[in-house]
Protein backbone atom coordinates (compact mmCIF):
# COMPACT_ATOMS: atom_id res chain seq x y z
CA MET A 1 52.25 201.42 103.23
CA THR A 2 55.93 200.90 103.86
CA GLN A 3 56.10 203.53 106.15
CA ARG A 4 53.58 203.41 107.98
CA LYS A 5 54.94 199.71 108.85
CA VAL A 6 58.44 201.37 109.58
CA TRP A 7 56.50 204.16 111.96
CA SER A 8 54.55 201.08 114.07
CA SER A 9 57.39 198.72 114.02
CA ALA A 10 59.61 202.01 115.66
CA LEU A 11 56.39 202.95 118.20
CA SER A 12 57.76 201.15 121.42
CA ALA A 13 61.39 202.29 121.33
CA ILE A 14 60.32 205.87 120.12
CA LEU A 15 57.72 206.08 122.83
CA LEU A 16 59.58 204.82 125.26
CA THR A 17 62.37 207.49 124.98
CA GLY A 18 59.47 210.44 124.59
CA LEU A 19 58.25 208.99 127.86
CA LEU A 20 61.53 209.59 129.38
CA ALA A 21 61.89 213.48 127.46
CA GLY A 22 58.23 214.43 127.45
CA CYS A 23 57.43 213.36 131.14
CA ALA A 24 60.02 215.43 132.37
CA GLY A 25 58.18 218.77 131.09
CA GLY A 26 55.67 218.74 132.95
CA ASN A 27 53.00 216.06 132.90
CA ASN A 28 50.65 217.04 135.53
CA ALA A 29 51.97 219.70 136.90
CA PRO A 30 49.15 222.39 138.26
CA ALA A 31 48.92 224.84 135.84
CA GLU A 32 49.69 228.46 136.19
CA SER A 33 46.64 230.09 135.56
CA GLY A 34 44.11 230.40 138.57
CA GLY A 35 41.46 231.79 136.37
CA GLN A 36 37.68 230.54 136.07
CA SER A 37 36.39 227.50 138.23
CA GLY A 38 36.04 225.48 135.51
CA ALA A 39 33.22 223.13 134.59
CA ALA A 40 29.86 223.27 136.52
CA GLY A 41 28.87 220.36 139.12
CA SER A 42 32.02 218.04 138.21
CA GLY A 43 33.62 218.86 141.54
CA SER A 44 35.34 221.22 144.13
CA GLU A 45 35.08 224.84 143.72
CA VAL A 46 38.71 226.17 142.41
CA LYS A 47 39.46 229.66 144.31
CA GLU A 48 39.18 232.80 142.32
CA GLU A 49 42.42 234.32 141.67
CA ALA A 50 43.54 236.57 138.86
CA PRO A 51 44.38 234.43 135.52
CA LYS A 52 47.90 234.32 134.62
CA ASP A 53 48.87 234.36 130.56
CA VAL A 54 48.83 230.98 129.05
CA THR A 55 49.57 229.56 125.74
CA LEU A 56 47.70 225.98 124.31
CA ARG A 57 48.98 224.58 121.17
CA PHE A 58 45.92 222.57 119.58
CA SER A 59 46.28 220.48 117.12
CA TRP A 60 44.00 218.22 114.52
CA TRP A 61 43.82 216.93 110.63
CA GLY A 62 40.79 217.49 108.96
CA SER A 63 38.61 219.31 106.08
CA GLU A 64 38.51 223.09 105.31
CA VAL A 65 34.91 222.86 107.00
CA ARG A 66 36.53 221.09 109.73
CA HIS A 67 39.49 223.60 110.33
CA LYS A 68 37.38 226.76 109.63
CA ALA A 69 34.89 225.82 112.01
CA LEU A 70 37.84 225.20 114.97
CA LEU A 71 39.55 228.49 113.86
CA GLU A 72 36.15 230.30 114.53
CA ALA A 73 35.98 228.58 117.83
CA ILE A 74 38.92 229.54 119.13
CA ASP A 75 38.53 232.74 118.36
CA LEU A 76 35.17 232.97 120.34
CA TYR A 77 37.09 231.36 123.29
CA THR A 78 40.21 233.27 122.92
CA GLU A 79 37.71 236.81 123.19
CA ASN A 80 36.39 235.52 126.41
CA ASN A 81 39.14 234.43 128.04
CA PRO A 82 41.63 236.69 127.05
CA HIS A 83 44.45 235.23 129.49
CA VAL A 84 44.59 232.36 127.14
CA THR A 85 46.51 231.98 123.40
CA ILE A 86 45.46 229.02 121.57
CA GLU A 87 48.22 228.17 118.87
CA PRO A 88 46.10 225.99 116.22
CA GLU A 89 48.18 223.67 114.24
CA TYR A 90 46.02 221.46 111.30
CA GLY A 91 46.26 219.92 108.18
CA GLY A 92 45.45 216.56 106.64
CA PHE A 93 45.53 213.41 108.06
CA ASP A 94 48.01 211.28 106.38
CA GLY A 95 51.06 211.93 108.37
CA TYR A 96 49.49 212.80 111.39
CA TYR A 97 49.86 209.95 113.05
CA GLN A 98 54.00 209.82 112.43
CA LYS A 99 53.90 213.17 113.64
CA LEU A 100 52.19 213.47 116.68
CA VAL A 101 54.12 210.09 117.60
CA THR A 102 57.53 211.94 116.89
CA GLN A 103 56.01 214.97 119.12
CA PHE A 104 55.47 212.80 121.93
CA ALA A 105 58.87 211.44 121.37
CA GLY A 106 60.47 215.05 122.00
CA GLY A 107 58.56 216.11 124.64
CA THR A 108 56.55 218.59 122.09
CA ALA A 109 53.66 217.05 121.38
CA PRO A 110 50.17 219.50 121.47
CA ASP A 111 48.55 220.43 124.68
CA LEU A 112 45.11 219.29 122.95
CA THR A 113 44.87 216.70 119.85
CA PRO A 114 42.11 214.46 119.02
CA LEU A 115 43.05 210.95 118.64
CA SER A 116 42.11 208.00 115.85
CA VAL A 117 40.33 205.65 118.23
CA ASP A 118 43.17 202.89 116.91
CA TRP A 119 45.80 205.40 117.99
CA ILE A 120 44.40 204.79 121.59
CA ASP A 121 46.15 201.77 122.60
CA GLU A 122 49.53 203.09 121.86
CA LEU A 123 49.08 206.40 123.15
CA ALA A 124 46.84 206.13 125.95
CA VAL A 125 46.89 202.45 127.23
CA LYS A 126 50.59 200.74 126.31
CA SER A 127 52.48 204.44 126.57
CA ASP A 128 50.16 206.18 129.16
CA LEU A 129 51.23 209.65 127.55
CA VAL A 130 47.78 211.65 127.82
CA VAL A 131 46.12 212.26 131.32
CA ASP A 132 43.46 210.55 132.49
CA LEU A 133 40.58 213.46 131.99
CA TYR A 134 39.16 211.72 135.40
CA THR A 135 41.71 213.63 137.24
CA LEU A 136 40.57 217.02 135.54
CA LYS A 137 36.86 216.88 136.25
CA ASP A 138 36.61 220.09 138.33
CA TYR A 139 37.61 221.47 134.99
CA ILE A 140 35.17 219.54 133.04
CA ASP A 141 31.60 219.78 132.39
CA LEU A 142 31.32 216.36 133.03
CA ASP A 143 27.75 216.05 133.67
CA ALA A 144 26.78 216.89 130.28
CA PHE A 145 27.97 213.73 128.87
CA ASP A 146 26.17 210.32 129.06
CA PRO A 147 28.37 208.49 131.44
CA ALA A 148 27.21 205.20 130.53
CA PHE A 149 28.80 206.50 126.86
CA LEU A 150 31.92 207.48 128.37
CA GLU A 151 32.22 204.56 130.20
CA ARG A 152 31.62 202.29 127.19
CA TYR A 153 33.56 203.80 124.70
CA ALA A 154 36.22 206.10 125.96
CA VAL A 155 37.37 204.84 129.46
CA PHE A 156 40.05 202.59 128.95
CA GLY A 157 41.39 200.89 132.13
CA GLY A 158 39.28 202.83 134.29
CA LYS A 159 41.16 205.86 132.52
CA LEU A 160 39.28 208.32 130.61
CA ALA A 161 41.38 208.82 127.26
CA GLY A 162 39.57 211.95 125.60
CA LEU A 163 36.78 213.86 125.45
CA PRO A 164 34.49 212.30 122.63
CA MET A 165 34.15 215.22 119.93
CA GLY A 166 30.99 213.71 118.23
CA VAL A 167 29.18 210.36 117.97
CA ASN A 168 30.13 208.45 115.19
CA GLY A 169 28.28 205.14 113.89
CA MET A 170 28.61 202.54 110.76
CA VAL A 171 25.92 202.52 108.05
CA ASN A 172 25.32 201.97 104.65
CA LEU A 173 25.49 204.83 102.71
CA TYR A 174 23.87 204.72 99.52
CA ASN A 175 22.64 206.59 96.48
CA LYS A 176 19.30 207.02 95.71
CA ASP A 177 19.54 207.72 92.30
CA PHE A 178 21.29 204.42 91.80
CA PHE A 179 19.02 203.09 93.54
CA ALA A 180 16.12 203.80 91.55
CA LYS A 181 17.73 203.16 88.35
CA TYR A 182 18.60 199.53 88.91
CA ASP A 183 15.30 199.05 91.01
CA ILE A 184 16.67 198.54 94.74
CA PRO A 185 14.00 199.07 97.04
CA GLU A 186 16.19 201.54 99.78
CA ASP A 187 14.13 199.64 102.71
CA THR A 188 16.07 196.69 101.76
CA LYS A 189 17.34 194.75 104.58
CA TRP A 190 20.76 193.82 104.12
CA ASP A 191 22.66 190.46 105.02
CA TRP A 192 26.35 189.04 103.06
CA GLN A 193 24.15 187.43 100.95
CA THR A 194 21.68 189.98 99.82
CA ILE A 195 24.61 192.18 98.51
CA HIS A 196 25.73 189.63 96.17
CA GLU A 197 22.65 188.46 94.90
CA ILE A 198 21.63 192.19 94.13
CA GLY A 199 25.16 193.36 92.80
CA LYS A 200 25.56 190.43 90.89
CA ARG A 201 22.38 191.50 89.48
CA VAL A 202 23.21 195.19 88.93
CA HIS A 203 26.37 194.04 87.12
CA GLU A 204 24.59 191.85 85.03
CA GLN A 205 22.32 194.23 83.72
CA ASP A 206 25.18 196.97 83.52
CA PRO A 207 28.63 195.76 83.17
CA ASN A 208 29.65 199.39 84.03
CA ALA A 209 27.44 199.64 87.03
CA TYR A 210 29.05 197.88 90.73
CA LEU A 211 27.15 197.99 94.29
CA LEU A 212 30.02 198.45 96.05
CA GLY A 213 33.27 200.35 95.50
CA MET A 214 35.79 198.90 98.09
CA PHE A 215 36.47 197.61 101.06
CA ASP A 216 39.07 197.83 103.63
CA TYR A 217 40.42 195.79 107.41
CA ARG A 218 37.61 198.12 109.38
CA THR A 219 34.41 198.25 107.24
CA PHE A 220 34.75 194.49 106.33
CA LEU A 221 37.01 191.95 107.72
CA GLN A 222 36.97 192.71 111.42
CA PRO A 223 32.90 193.00 111.66
CA PHE A 224 32.21 190.14 109.01
CA VAL A 225 34.39 187.52 111.25
CA ASN A 226 33.50 189.33 114.50
CA GLN A 227 29.35 188.84 113.45
CA GLN A 228 30.49 184.81 113.04
CA THR A 229 31.92 184.61 116.52
CA GLY A 230 30.48 187.40 118.82
CA ASN A 231 34.21 187.62 119.73
CA GLN A 232 36.25 190.84 119.96
CA TRP A 233 38.74 190.49 116.81
CA ILE A 234 42.06 190.47 119.40
CA GLN A 235 40.54 189.36 123.01
CA ASP A 236 41.95 191.05 126.00
CA ASP A 237 44.21 188.09 126.74
CA LYS A 238 46.30 188.81 123.71
CA THR A 239 44.55 185.88 122.16
CA LEU A 240 42.80 185.98 118.97
CA GLY A 241 39.00 185.79 118.93
CA PHE A 242 38.48 183.62 116.00
CA GLU A 243 39.14 180.47 114.11
CA ALA A 244 41.17 180.54 110.32
CA ASP A 245 38.14 179.05 108.95
CA SER A 246 35.94 182.19 109.65
CA LEU A 247 39.15 184.25 107.96
CA GLU A 248 38.84 181.62 105.22
CA ALA A 249 35.21 182.32 104.82
CA ALA A 250 35.33 186.11 104.57
CA PHE A 251 38.75 186.24 102.15
CA ALA A 252 36.41 183.73 100.22
CA TYR A 253 33.60 185.59 100.38
CA TYR A 254 35.81 189.11 99.34
CA GLN A 255 37.19 186.94 96.35
CA GLN A 256 33.16 186.41 95.05
CA LEU A 257 32.16 189.48 95.23
CA LEU A 258 35.31 190.56 93.02
CA ASP A 259 34.75 187.83 90.90
CA ASP A 260 30.99 188.30 89.78
CA GLY A 261 31.40 191.88 89.48
CA VAL A 262 29.55 193.33 92.75
CA MET A 263 32.99 195.77 93.38
CA GLN A 264 34.58 197.83 91.57
CA PRO A 265 37.80 196.16 90.55
CA VAL A 266 40.99 196.68 92.92
CA GLU A 267 42.74 197.77 89.84
CA GLU A 268 40.73 200.60 89.67
CA SER A 269 39.67 201.42 93.03
CA SER A 270 43.26 201.54 94.62
CA LEU A 271 43.76 204.68 92.71
CA TYR A 272 41.64 206.58 95.05
CA LYS A 273 42.10 206.44 98.41
CA ASP A 274 38.81 207.45 99.58
CA LEU A 275 35.87 206.42 97.89
CA ALA A 276 34.13 209.87 97.60
CA GLU A 277 36.92 210.90 95.40
CA ASN A 278 36.70 207.55 92.94
CA LEU A 279 35.13 209.43 89.60
CA GLN A 280 32.94 205.93 89.29
CA TRP A 281 31.27 206.72 92.45
CA GLN A 282 30.93 210.58 91.56
CA GLN A 283 29.66 209.95 88.25
CA GLY A 284 27.23 206.90 89.65
CA ASN A 285 28.30 204.15 88.48
CA ILE A 286 28.71 202.62 92.31
CA GLY A 287 25.81 202.46 94.25
CA MET A 288 26.73 201.98 98.12
CA MET A 289 29.76 201.82 100.67
CA PHE A 290 29.97 200.99 104.39
CA THR A 291 31.54 204.10 105.99
CA LEU A 292 30.87 206.49 109.29
CA ALA A 293 28.46 208.76 109.71
CA SER A 294 31.70 211.50 110.11
CA THR A 295 32.14 211.53 106.62
CA ILE A 296 28.85 211.90 105.10
CA ALA A 297 29.37 215.67 104.58
CA LYS A 298 32.01 215.33 102.80
CA VAL A 299 30.70 212.36 100.09
CA LYS A 300 27.33 214.59 99.87
CA SER A 301 29.79 217.30 98.63
CA TYR A 302 30.32 214.99 95.67
CA THR A 303 26.97 213.25 95.45
CA PRO A 304 23.93 214.71 97.67
CA ASN A 305 21.16 212.23 97.10
CA LEU A 306 22.45 210.39 99.54
CA GLY A 307 20.26 207.71 102.12
CA VAL A 308 21.64 205.29 104.83
CA SER A 309 20.73 202.11 106.07
CA MET A 310 21.42 199.29 108.96
CA TYR A 311 25.12 197.98 108.04
CA PRO A 312 24.62 194.26 106.53
CA VAL A 313 23.68 191.56 109.43
CA PRO A 314 23.10 188.50 108.86
CA THR A 315 20.12 186.66 110.62
CA ASP A 316 22.11 184.51 112.70
CA ALA A 317 24.61 186.75 113.39
CA LYS A 318 26.14 186.89 117.24
CA THR A 319 26.32 190.42 117.63
CA SER A 320 25.76 192.95 114.66
CA ALA A 321 29.50 194.36 115.32
CA VAL A 322 28.13 197.51 113.44
CA LEU A 323 30.79 200.11 114.98
CA VAL A 324 29.69 202.66 117.20
CA ASN A 325 32.58 205.14 118.69
CA PRO A 326 32.94 208.68 119.59
CA SER A 327 34.37 210.36 117.28
CA ASN A 328 38.34 211.13 117.46
CA PRO A 329 38.32 211.83 121.67
CA LEU A 330 40.05 214.78 122.69
CA ALA A 331 42.83 214.15 124.59
CA ILE A 332 45.35 216.16 126.74
CA SER A 333 49.25 215.74 126.28
CA LYS A 334 50.79 214.73 129.90
CA ALA A 335 53.75 217.06 129.30
CA SER A 336 51.27 219.71 129.00
CA LYS A 337 52.18 222.48 131.32
CA HIS A 338 48.93 223.94 131.38
CA PRO A 339 46.50 220.72 131.88
CA GLU A 340 43.89 222.63 133.39
CA GLU A 341 43.58 225.42 131.67
CA ALA A 342 43.27 223.03 128.75
CA ALA A 343 40.64 221.28 130.46
CA LYS A 344 38.72 224.03 130.24
CA PHE A 345 39.06 224.59 126.72
CA ALA A 346 38.33 221.14 126.21
CA SER A 347 34.98 221.12 127.79
CA TRP A 348 33.62 224.70 126.67
CA LEU A 349 34.68 223.28 123.19
CA LEU A 350 32.46 220.10 123.54
CA THR A 351 29.50 221.22 125.78
CA SER A 352 29.28 224.77 125.62
CA PRO A 353 26.13 225.27 123.06
CA GLU A 354 28.37 228.75 121.49
CA ALA A 355 30.49 226.02 120.58
CA ALA A 356 28.25 223.74 119.15
CA ALA A 357 26.66 226.18 117.24
CA ILE A 358 30.20 226.67 114.88
CA LEU A 359 30.90 223.14 115.15
CA LYS A 360 27.97 221.69 114.02
CA ASP A 361 28.68 218.66 112.34
CA VAL A 362 32.35 218.23 111.39
CA TYR A 363 32.31 215.40 114.27
CA SER A 364 29.88 213.56 113.17
CA VAL A 365 26.72 214.48 115.74
CA PRO A 366 27.15 216.47 119.11
CA VAL A 367 27.71 213.53 121.94
CA VAL A 368 25.93 216.22 124.79
CA GLN A 369 22.33 215.28 123.89
CA ALA A 370 21.39 219.02 124.46
CA ASN A 371 23.43 220.43 121.79
CA ALA A 372 22.70 217.35 119.61
CA ASP A 373 18.83 217.94 119.52
CA LYS A 374 19.37 221.72 119.16
CA LEU A 375 21.02 221.67 116.14
CA VAL A 376 19.00 219.18 114.63
CA ALA A 377 15.37 221.26 115.35
CA ASP A 378 17.34 224.02 113.86
CA GLY A 379 18.38 222.28 110.63
CA ALA A 380 22.29 223.20 111.46
CA ILE A 381 23.33 219.17 111.36
CA ASP A 382 22.94 217.59 107.76
CA PRO A 383 19.51 215.35 108.47
CA THR A 384 21.62 212.30 106.63
CA VAL A 385 24.54 212.23 109.52
CA ASN A 386 22.24 213.19 112.29
CA GLU A 387 20.03 209.72 110.52
CA ALA A 388 22.94 207.73 109.81
CA VAL A 389 24.01 207.98 113.66
CA GLN A 390 20.58 206.95 114.90
CA VAL A 391 20.83 203.81 112.56
CA ALA A 392 23.66 203.01 114.02
CA LEU A 393 22.72 203.41 117.29
CA GLU A 394 19.57 200.98 116.60
CA ASN A 395 21.65 197.63 116.69
CA PRO A 396 25.20 198.90 118.11
CA GLY A 397 27.92 195.99 118.33
CA ASN A 398 30.19 195.54 121.67
CA PRO A 399 32.42 198.23 122.21
CA VAL A 400 35.67 197.16 120.29
CA ASN A 401 38.89 196.86 122.95
CA ALA A 402 42.14 198.58 122.82
CA LEU A 403 43.51 195.53 121.42
CA SER A 404 41.54 195.03 118.38
CA ASN A 405 42.17 198.79 117.80
CA ASN A 406 45.82 198.33 117.48
CA GLN A 407 47.17 200.03 114.73
CA GLU A 408 49.68 197.67 114.03
CA LEU A 409 47.82 194.56 113.88
CA ASN A 410 45.16 196.63 111.72
CA GLN A 411 47.84 197.45 109.15
CA ILE A 412 48.77 193.39 108.95
CA ALA A 413 45.69 192.64 108.24
CA GLN A 414 45.09 195.42 105.70
CA ASP A 415 48.14 194.19 103.72
CA ILE A 416 46.70 190.87 103.59
CA LEU A 417 43.56 191.69 102.53
CA GLU A 418 45.29 193.59 100.05
CA ARG A 419 46.81 191.02 98.43
CA VAL A 420 43.99 188.50 98.29
CA ALA A 421 41.91 191.64 96.28
CA PHE A 422 45.19 191.44 93.96
CA LYS A 423 44.68 187.57 93.94
CA GLN A 424 48.22 187.07 95.56
CA LEU A 425 47.02 185.17 98.09
CA SER A 426 44.09 182.31 97.93
CA ALA A 427 41.60 182.82 100.53
CA ALA A 428 43.07 179.81 102.27
CA ASP A 429 46.43 180.65 102.75
CA ALA A 430 45.43 184.40 103.50
CA ALA A 431 43.48 182.97 106.60
CA ALA A 432 46.54 180.69 107.38
CA GLU A 433 48.88 183.63 106.88
CA LEU A 434 47.21 186.07 108.74
CA THR A 435 46.17 183.93 111.55
CA ALA A 436 49.88 183.30 112.14
CA ARG A 437 51.45 186.94 111.58
CA LEU A 438 49.13 188.24 114.10
CA ASP A 439 50.16 185.52 116.59
CA GLU A 440 53.65 185.85 115.99
CA LYS A 441 53.51 190.06 116.60
CA LEU A 442 50.89 189.15 119.62
CA SER A 443 53.34 187.24 121.43
CA SER A 444 55.97 189.99 121.13
CA MET A 445 53.97 192.68 122.36
CA PRO A 446 54.52 193.67 126.21
């Protein structure tokens, strides 16, 4: 956690240096390759000429399933476009952001990389390190995407920061066997009161059983507060979208869940970075989690008999706060020497039926509806993943703005939430400290 703070605090200085070094490396200069005219129906025709050999670097993180699928897609694309060489760079999520920041600072960022939504404010908005993909519309089949979805979830300040690699949504993912064992109806309409009541009953019935495993800032604190206020967590004018009493209510509720055995003790849950890897979850002693659709395939590898339902929404909520967002928008670095070729590959990867058949649901459900429908019909997408996306889309909250996704601000909230869990702060003290620290940080932001 300390390392994350250091990286986050140093980000502005690092990226300022990166802009001077990296932007000199090419920015939006025309690519050397003429090649194919790019996307159909998205702009003026590009003059045909013999394509020149180009090399692109494509970096990503994820599971072995994702790695295998993307490598197969790269092989197919380069087979059909022999003038293009794509060098893959991939690994786990841990350390990926720090590595990417360093690469941007040194002018060595990959041509293409997915972005986590909480990086967009720093990398795409403030530091302007990625290409506005609207400027490459001649090479991208933008007609394949729902324009309203792009504008709502992938456009910031009028610029298209990346192409959605899928549609993601927050849902309640539950273990059907657990629900049957403890007589929990699968059609339960969840709100925060229902969670407490049923979770307390379950733990009283079996002291080794917990309805929930762990919370974090994104799956609990921000949506819980937003449901009370109807506002963004951080407003666009850099003011807080809540008062301290809303925070205090959230922290007090969190403490109550832990005290009453609704949640697994943090001394146990904190041993795992991911609830899916928690042994109590795998052994069927934890009943449900709040998670994104894109994580379901991994969770099912441990616990196959799963169902999905709507994220908890109180009847008096001012917004559902159900998170819907694009899965890791695929961005092109401004330092790329071949942005047009990068755009052609990105377009093919995310719009072509051939690529969709390879990727399936490694980035949740494809954002191109025709591809999603085909994969669902063919049984190539896990039906639970598809159902999760549809459930989230039934009652989506407002799109989360860039400041509310700011990684440094998020880390402040996460740190305090963890201190509440370990009883290092009372609810009132946590609310006061978080409000003060966020205000202080916001006042220092450019």
